[in-house]
Amino acid sequence: MASPQQLATSFTKLVQDYMEYAQQVFIKPVHAALAGPASWSPPPTGRVKINTDAHLMNGGGVSLGVVLRDAQGQIIATGVKRIQARWEVEQAEVAGVKFGMQVARRMGHVEMMVESDALTVVRSINNNITGFSPLLLYYEDIARMKRECVFFNCSHVRRAGNTVAHLITRWNTDASEFVCSDNSPKIELIQVGGESLAQ
């Protein structure tokens, strides 16, 4: 029977071997320098910026939040969508991007700048990945909508620059989908972390 010292040495060697393997196989963490900005900035005139986020609710279900803003930083639409599903984070985040683009298209926007705090989703959208799994079908839908745009850009923003969309996912609505646009009763704005939030 091995001694405690031999077991400890063997375990340490296993951990070292696994760490070397993981560094070669798994995606390396993104350093802060490679991540997107930490604050929100307005799009150029004529374009709409769409910030999206997703929230996995306790007890099951997914909540998607979107906010559309113009070149003056004014909110022109907000939306929340609830889906009864048990998804992984990536599926929820990519569904949020698709929902945001759908809202923008309904309002007639064809020049879109999408921001998400899910870096993996941003990279996959920019790499135009497609396939037949439920997750990849969402990316395929986004790729199709991109082709229908006059201008499209998708970029990463850190959580601090995505506060409004993050909070919108927590909106409590009775409807499975609720969108409030600038055609609705006037939206009152408050400042949250440098961003304007509909109240």
C-alpha atoms as a PDB file:
ATOM      1  CA  MET A   1       0.000   0.000   0.000  1.00  0.00           C
ATOM      2  CA  ALA A   2       1.281   3.471  -0.935  1.00  0.00           C
ATOM      3  CA  SER A   3       2.336   5.876   1.779  1.00  0.00           C
ATOM      4  CA  PRO A   4       0.602   9.274   2.229  1.00  0.00           C
ATOM      5  CA  GLN A   5       3.699  10.940   0.749  1.00  0.00           C
ATOM      6  CA  GLN A   6       3.558   8.722  -2.354  1.00  0.00           C
ATOM      7  CA  LEU A   7      -0.163   9.419  -2.785  1.00  0.00           C
ATOM      8  CA  ALA A   8       0.401  13.165  -2.474  1.00  0.00           C
ATOM      9  CA  THR A   9       3.253  13.055  -5.013  1.00  0.00           C
ATOM     10  CA  SER A  10       1.130  11.002  -7.424  1.00  0.00           C
ATOM     11  CA  PHE A  11      -1.835  13.362  -7.048  1.00  0.00           C
ATOM     12  CA  THR A  12       0.373  16.423  -7.594  1.00  0.00           C
ATOM     13  CA  LYS A  13       1.748  14.866 -10.792  1.00  0.00           C
ATOM     14  CA  LEU A  14      -1.813  14.156 -12.021  1.00  0.00           C
ATOM     15  CA  VAL A  15      -2.818  17.772 -11.408  1.00  0.00           C
ATOM     16  CA  GLN A  16       0.246  19.084 -13.263  1.00  0.00           C
ATOM     17  CA  ASP A  17      -0.429  16.752 -16.206  1.00  0.00           C
ATOM     18  CA  TYR A  18      -4.053  17.845 -16.356  1.00  0.00           C
ATOM     19  CA  MET A  19      -3.162  21.552 -16.260  1.00  0.00           C
ATOM     20  CA  GLU A  20      -0.731  21.106 -19.159  1.00  0.00           C
ATOM     21  CA  TYR A  21      -3.392  19.202 -21.091  1.00  0.00           C
ATOM     22  CA  ALA A  22      -6.094  21.811 -20.358  1.00  0.00           C
ATOM     23  CA  GLN A  23      -3.875  24.680 -21.525  1.00  0.00           C
ATOM     24  CA  GLN A  24      -3.431  22.974 -24.886  1.00  0.00           C
ATOM     25  CA  VAL A  25      -7.026  21.785 -25.396  1.00  0.00           C
ATOM     26  CA  PHE A  26      -9.386  24.268 -23.796  1.00  0.00           C
ATOM     27  CA  ILE A  27      -9.925  27.895 -24.780  1.00  0.00           C
ATOM     28  CA  LYS A  28      -7.623  30.120 -22.828  1.00  0.00           C
ATOM     29  CA  PRO A  29      -9.293  32.817 -20.717  1.00  0.00           C
ATOM     30  CA  VAL A  30      -9.518  36.224 -22.334  1.00  0.00           C
ATOM     31  CA  HIS A  31      -7.347  38.827 -20.671  1.00  0.00           C
ATOM     32  CA  ALA A  32      -8.923  42.144 -19.798  1.00  0.00           C
ATOM     33  CA  ALA A  33      -6.847  43.856 -22.481  1.00  0.00           C
ATOM     34  CA  LEU A  34      -8.580  41.726 -25.146  1.00  0.00           C
ATOM     35  CA  ALA A  35     -12.074  42.327 -23.796  1.00  0.00           C
ATOM     36  CA  GLY A  36     -14.389  45.056 -25.008  1.00  0.00           C
ATOM     37  CA  PRO A  37     -14.889  48.499 -23.477  1.00  0.00           C
ATOM     38  CA  ALA A  38     -16.290  48.901 -19.983  1.00  0.00           C
ATOM     39  CA  SER A  39     -18.622  51.771 -20.854  1.00  0.00           C
ATOM     40  CA  TRP A  40     -21.425  52.331 -23.347  1.00  0.00           C
ATOM     41  CA  SER A  41     -20.947  54.673 -26.295  1.00  0.00           C
ATOM     42  CA  PRO A  42     -23.501  55.816 -28.889  1.00  0.00           C
ATOM     43  CA  PRO A  43     -23.522  54.574 -32.493  1.00  0.00           C
ATOM     44  CA  PRO A  44     -22.869  56.865 -35.474  1.00  0.00           C
ATOM     45  CA  THR A  45     -25.800  58.830 -36.891  1.00  0.00           C
ATOM     46  CA  GLY A  46     -28.213  56.655 -38.838  1.00  0.00           C
ATOM     47  CA  ARG A  47     -27.359  53.466 -36.987  1.00  0.00           C
ATOM     48  CA  VAL A  48     -28.985  51.789 -34.007  1.00  0.00           C
ATOM     49  CA  LYS A  49     -27.048  50.139 -31.198  1.00  0.00           C
ATOM     50  CA  ILE A  50     -28.606  46.983 -29.758  1.00  0.00           C
ATOM     51  CA  ASN A  51     -27.436  45.812 -26.338  1.00  0.00           C
ATOM     52  CA  THR A  52     -28.534  42.332 -25.312  1.00  0.00           C
ATOM     53  CA  ASP A  53     -28.272  40.105 -22.275  1.00  0.00           C
ATOM     54  CA  ALA A  54     -29.760  36.889 -20.916  1.00  0.00           C
ATOM     55  CA  HIS A  55     -30.696  35.689 -17.451  1.00  0.00           C
ATOM     56  CA  LEU A  56     -31.141  32.061 -16.385  1.00  0.00           C
ATOM     57  CA  MET A  57     -34.001  32.205 -13.902  1.00  0.00           C
ATOM     58  CA  ASN A  58     -34.160  30.203 -10.697  1.00  0.00           C
ATOM     59  CA  GLY A  59     -36.347  27.154 -11.106  1.00  0.00           C
ATOM     60  CA  GLY A  60     -35.923  27.098 -14.883  1.00  0.00           C
ATOM     61  CA  GLY A  61     -36.688  29.479 -17.691  1.00  0.00           C
ATOM     62  CA  VAL A  62     -34.693  32.086 -19.555  1.00  0.00           C
ATOM     63  CA  SER A  63     -35.222  35.834 -19.717  1.00  0.00           C
ATOM     64  CA  LEU A  64     -33.819  37.857 -22.628  1.00  0.00           C
ATOM     65  CA  GLY A  65     -33.356  41.623 -22.429  1.00  0.00           C
ATOM     66  CA  VAL A  66     -32.682  44.110 -25.210  1.00  0.00           C
ATOM     67  CA  VAL A  67     -32.313  47.875 -25.458  1.00  0.00           C
ATOM     68  CA  LEU A  68     -32.058  49.883 -28.699  1.00  0.00           C
ATOM     69  CA  ARG A  69     -30.520  53.361 -28.668  1.00  0.00           C
ATOM     70  CA  ASP A  70     -29.800  55.992 -31.280  1.00  0.00           C
ATOM     71  CA  ALA A  71     -26.836  58.274 -31.977  1.00  0.00           C
ATOM     72  CA  GLN A  72     -27.948  60.676 -29.221  1.00  0.00           C
ATOM     73  CA  GLY A  73     -28.016  57.816 -26.700  1.00  0.00           C
ATOM     74  CA  GLN A  74     -31.808  57.965 -26.464  1.00  0.00           C
ATOM     75  CA  ILE A  75     -33.647  54.707 -25.839  1.00  0.00           C
ATOM     76  CA  ILE A  76     -35.871  53.962 -28.812  1.00  0.00           C
ATOM     77  CA  ALA A  77     -37.019  50.506 -27.700  1.00  0.00           C
ATOM     78  CA  THR A  78     -36.653  48.024 -24.884  1.00  0.00           C
ATOM     79  CA  GLY A  79     -37.823  44.449 -24.789  1.00  0.00           C
ATOM     80  CA  VAL A  80     -37.941  41.393 -22.591  1.00  0.00           C
ATOM     81  CA  LYS A  81     -38.756  37.857 -23.649  1.00  0.00           C
ATOM     82  CA  ARG A  82     -39.375  34.866 -21.389  1.00  0.00           C
ATOM     83  CA  ILE A  83     -38.788  31.317 -22.613  1.00  0.00           C
ATOM     84  CA  GLN A  84     -39.615  28.180 -20.668  1.00  0.00           C
ATOM     85  CA  ALA A  85     -36.422  26.237 -21.279  1.00  0.00           C
ATOM     86  CA  ARG A  86     -33.356  24.941 -19.497  1.00  0.00           C
ATOM     87  CA  TRP A  87     -30.538  26.309 -21.610  1.00  0.00           C
ATOM     88  CA  GLU A  88     -26.846  26.703 -21.137  1.00  0.00           C
ATOM     89  CA  VAL A  89     -25.537  30.275 -20.941  1.00  0.00           C
ATOM     90  CA  GLU A  90     -24.317  30.417 -24.560  1.00  0.00           C
ATOM     91  CA  GLN A  91     -27.698  29.344 -25.963  1.00  0.00           C
ATOM     92  CA  ALA A  92     -29.457  31.995 -23.862  1.00  0.00           C
ATOM     93  CA  GLU A  93     -27.008  34.747 -24.864  1.00  0.00           C
ATOM     94  CA  VAL A  94     -27.215  34.000 -28.596  1.00  0.00           C
ATOM     95  CA  ALA A  95     -31.024  33.891 -28.342  1.00  0.00           C
ATOM     96  CA  GLY A  96     -30.829  37.363 -26.777  1.00  0.00           C
ATOM     97  CA  VAL A  97     -28.853  38.677 -29.764  1.00  0.00           C
ATOM     98  CA  LYS A  98     -31.382  37.161 -32.175  1.00  0.00           C
ATOM     99  CA  PHE A  99     -34.273  38.724 -30.228  1.00  0.00           C
ATOM    100  CA  GLY A 100     -32.593  42.138 -30.281  1.00  0.00           C
ATOM    101  CA  MET A 101     -32.068  41.957 -34.027  1.00  0.00           C
ATOM    102  CA  GLN A 102     -35.688  40.885 -34.534  1.00  0.00           C
ATOM    103  CA  VAL A 103     -36.933  43.884 -32.555  1.00  0.00           C
ATOM    104  CA  ALA A 104     -34.722  46.200 -34.610  1.00  0.00           C
ATOM    105  CA  ARG A 105     -35.952  44.700 -37.881  1.00  0.00           C
ATOM    106  CA  ARG A 106     -39.602  45.097 -36.798  1.00  0.00           C
ATOM    107  CA  MET A 107     -38.891  48.784 -36.329  1.00  0.00           C
ATOM    108  CA  GLY A 108     -37.356  49.054 -39.809  1.00  0.00           C
ATOM    109  CA  HIS A 109     -33.686  49.307 -38.832  1.00  0.00           C
ATOM    110  CA  VAL A 110     -31.176  47.913 -41.332  1.00  0.00           C
ATOM    111  CA  GLU A 111     -27.981  49.472 -39.909  1.00  0.00           C
ATOM    112  CA  MET A 112     -27.263  47.651 -36.644  1.00  0.00           C
ATOM    113  CA  MET A 113     -24.492  47.601 -34.092  1.00  0.00           C
ATOM    114  CA  VAL A 114     -24.941  44.749 -31.606  1.00  0.00           C
ATOM    115  CA  GLU A 115     -23.170  44.629 -28.245  1.00  0.00           C
ATOM    116  CA  SER A 116     -23.112  41.643 -25.888  1.00  0.00           C
ATOM    117  CA  ASP A 117     -21.083  40.842 -22.794  1.00  0.00           C
ATOM    118  CA  ALA A 118     -20.795  37.192 -23.962  1.00  0.00           C
ATOM    119  CA  LEU A 119     -17.449  37.136 -25.763  1.00  0.00           C
ATOM    120  CA  THR A 120     -17.855  33.567 -27.058  1.00  0.00           C
ATOM    121  CA  VAL A 121     -21.152  34.539 -28.709  1.00  0.00           C
ATOM    122  CA  VAL A 122     -19.639  37.672 -30.271  1.00  0.00           C
ATOM    123  CA  ARG A 123     -16.743  35.667 -31.716  1.00  0.00           C
ATOM    124  CA  SER A 124     -19.059  32.966 -33.086  1.00  0.00           C
ATOM    125  CA  ILE A 125     -21.313  35.560 -34.754  1.00  0.00           C
ATOM    126  CA  ASN A 126     -18.325  37.297 -36.330  1.00  0.00           C
ATOM    127  CA  ASN A 127     -16.958  33.940 -37.537  1.00  0.00           C
ATOM    128  CA  ASN A 128     -20.330  33.068 -39.130  1.00  0.00           C
ATOM    129  CA  ILE A 129     -20.505  29.603 -37.598  1.00  0.00           C
ATOM    130  CA  THR A 130     -23.450  27.482 -38.746  1.00  0.00           C
ATOM    131  CA  GLY A 131     -24.737  23.956 -38.226  1.00  0.00           C
ATOM    132  CA  PHE A 132     -27.762  21.863 -37.376  1.00  0.00           C
ATOM    133  CA  SER A 133     -27.697  21.655 -33.579  1.00  0.00           C
ATOM    134  CA  PRO A 134     -30.298  23.824 -31.791  1.00  0.00           C
ATOM    135  CA  LEU A 135     -27.517  26.210 -30.697  1.00  0.00           C
ATOM    136  CA  LEU A 136     -25.979  26.529 -34.160  1.00  0.00           C
ATOM    137  CA  LEU A 137     -29.386  27.147 -35.752  1.00  0.00           C
ATOM    138  CA  TYR A 138     -29.571  30.387 -33.730  1.00  0.00           C
ATOM    139  CA  TYR A 139     -26.214  31.446 -35.165  1.00  0.00           C
ATOM    140  CA  GLU A 140     -27.476  30.544 -38.639  1.00  0.00           C
ATOM    141  CA  ASP A 141     -30.570  32.735 -38.149  1.00  0.00           C
ATOM    142  CA  ILE A 142     -28.332  35.616 -37.076  1.00  0.00           C
ATOM    143  CA  ALA A 143     -26.060  35.079 -40.109  1.00  0.00           C
ATOM    144  CA  ARG A 144     -29.126  35.281 -42.369  1.00  0.00           C
ATOM    145  CA  MET A 145     -30.336  38.498 -40.707  1.00  0.00           C
ATOM    146  CA  LYS A 146     -26.823  39.971 -41.013  1.00  0.00           C
ATOM    147  CA  ARG A 147     -26.945  39.484 -44.772  1.00  0.00           C
ATOM    148  CA  GLU A 148     -30.228  41.412 -44.905  1.00  0.00           C
ATOM    149  CA  CYS A 149     -28.655  44.439 -43.189  1.00  0.00           C
ATOM    150  CA  VAL A 150     -27.145  47.421 -44.962  1.00  0.00           C
ATOM    151  CA  PHE A 151     -24.600  47.581 -42.125  1.00  0.00           C
ATOM    152  CA  PHE A 152     -23.940  45.129 -39.293  1.00  0.00           C
ATOM    153  CA  ASN A 153     -21.359  45.037 -36.535  1.00  0.00           C
ATOM    154  CA  CYS A 154     -21.182  42.805 -33.459  1.00  0.00           C
ATOM    155  CA  SER A 155     -18.787  43.622 -30.639  1.00  0.00           C
ATOM    156  CA  HIS A 156     -18.046  42.721 -27.050  1.00  0.00           C
ATOM    157  CA  VAL A 157     -18.750  45.054 -24.160  1.00  0.00           C
ATOM    158  CA  ARG A 158     -17.994  44.333 -20.539  1.00  0.00           C
ATOM    159  CA  ARG A 159     -20.825  43.989 -18.028  1.00  0.00           C
ATOM    160  CA  ALA A 160     -20.352  47.569 -16.789  1.00  0.00           C
ATOM    161  CA  GLY A 161     -21.195  48.820 -20.285  1.00  0.00           C
ATOM    162  CA  ASN A 162     -24.189  46.494 -20.610  1.00  0.00           C
ATOM    163  CA  THR A 163     -26.029  47.428 -17.423  1.00  0.00           C
ATOM    164  CA  VAL A 164     -29.337  48.433 -18.976  1.00  0.00           C
ATOM    165  CA  ALA A 165     -29.809  45.209 -20.946  1.00  0.00           C
ATOM    166  CA  HIS A 166     -28.742  43.257 -17.861  1.00  0.00           C
ATOM    167  CA  LEU A 167     -31.396  44.946 -15.711  1.00  0.00           C
ATOM    168  CA  ILE A 168     -34.088  44.599 -18.377  1.00  0.00           C
ATOM    169  CA  THR A 169     -33.743  40.808 -18.204  1.00  0.00           C
ATOM    170  CA  ARG A 170     -35.042  41.122 -14.623  1.00  0.00           C
ATOM    171  CA  TRP A 171     -38.225  42.976 -15.655  1.00  0.00           C
ATOM    172  CA  ASN A 172     -41.305  41.280 -14.265  1.00  0.00           C
ATOM    173  CA  THR A 173     -43.929  41.087 -17.017  1.00  0.00           C
ATOM    174  CA  ASP A 174     -47.013  38.943 -17.402  1.00  0.00           C
ATOM    175  CA  ALA A 175     -46.435  38.542 -21.143  1.00  0.00           C
ATOM    176  CA  SER A 176     -43.967  36.066 -22.657  1.00  0.00           C
ATOM    177  CA  GLU A 177     -42.719  38.949 -24.826  1.00  0.00           C
ATOM    178  CA  PHE A 178     -42.980  42.653 -24.066  1.00  0.00           C
ATOM    179  CA  VAL A 179     -41.536  45.402 -26.262  1.00  0.00           C
ATOM    180  CA  CYS A 180     -41.817  49.101 -25.476  1.00  0.00           C
ATOM    181  CA  SER A 181     -40.901  51.423 -28.360  1.00  0.00           C
ATOM    182  CA  ASP A 182     -40.714  55.181 -28.824  1.00  0.00           C
ATOM    183  CA  ASN A 183     -44.244  54.968 -30.220  1.00  0.00           C
ATOM    184  CA  SER A 184     -45.434  53.874 -26.802  1.00  0.00           C
ATOM    185  CA  PRO A 185     -46.155  56.296 -23.945  1.00  0.00           C
ATOM    186  CA  LYS A 186     -43.086  58.408 -23.162  1.00  0.00           C
ATOM    187  CA  ILE A 187     -40.237  56.517 -21.514  1.00  0.00           C
ATOM    188  CA  GLU A 188     -38.795  58.205 -18.440  1.00  0.00           C
ATOM    189  CA  LEU A 189     -35.030  57.835 -18.108  1.00  0.00           C
ATOM    190  CA  ILE A 190     -32.757  57.483 -15.123  1.00  0.00           C
ATOM    191  CA  GLN A 191     -28.979  57.131 -15.099  1.00  0.00           C
ATOM    192  CA  VAL A 192     -27.473  53.789 -14.084  1.00  0.00           C
ATOM    193  CA  GLY A 193     -23.705  53.368 -14.259  1.00  0.00           C
ATOM    194  CA  GLY A 194     -23.361  55.889 -17.049  1.00  0.00           C
ATOM    195  CA  GLU A 195     -26.236  54.444 -19.052  1.00  0.00           C
ATOM    196  CA  SER A 196     -29.805  55.626 -19.463  1.00  0.00           C
ATOM    197  CA  LEU A 197     -32.382  53.181 -18.144  1.00  0.00           C
ATOM    198  CA  ALA A 198     -36.093  53.175 -18.942  1.00  0.00           C
ATOM    199  CA  GLN A 199     -38.237  53.527 -15.845  1.00  0.00           C
END
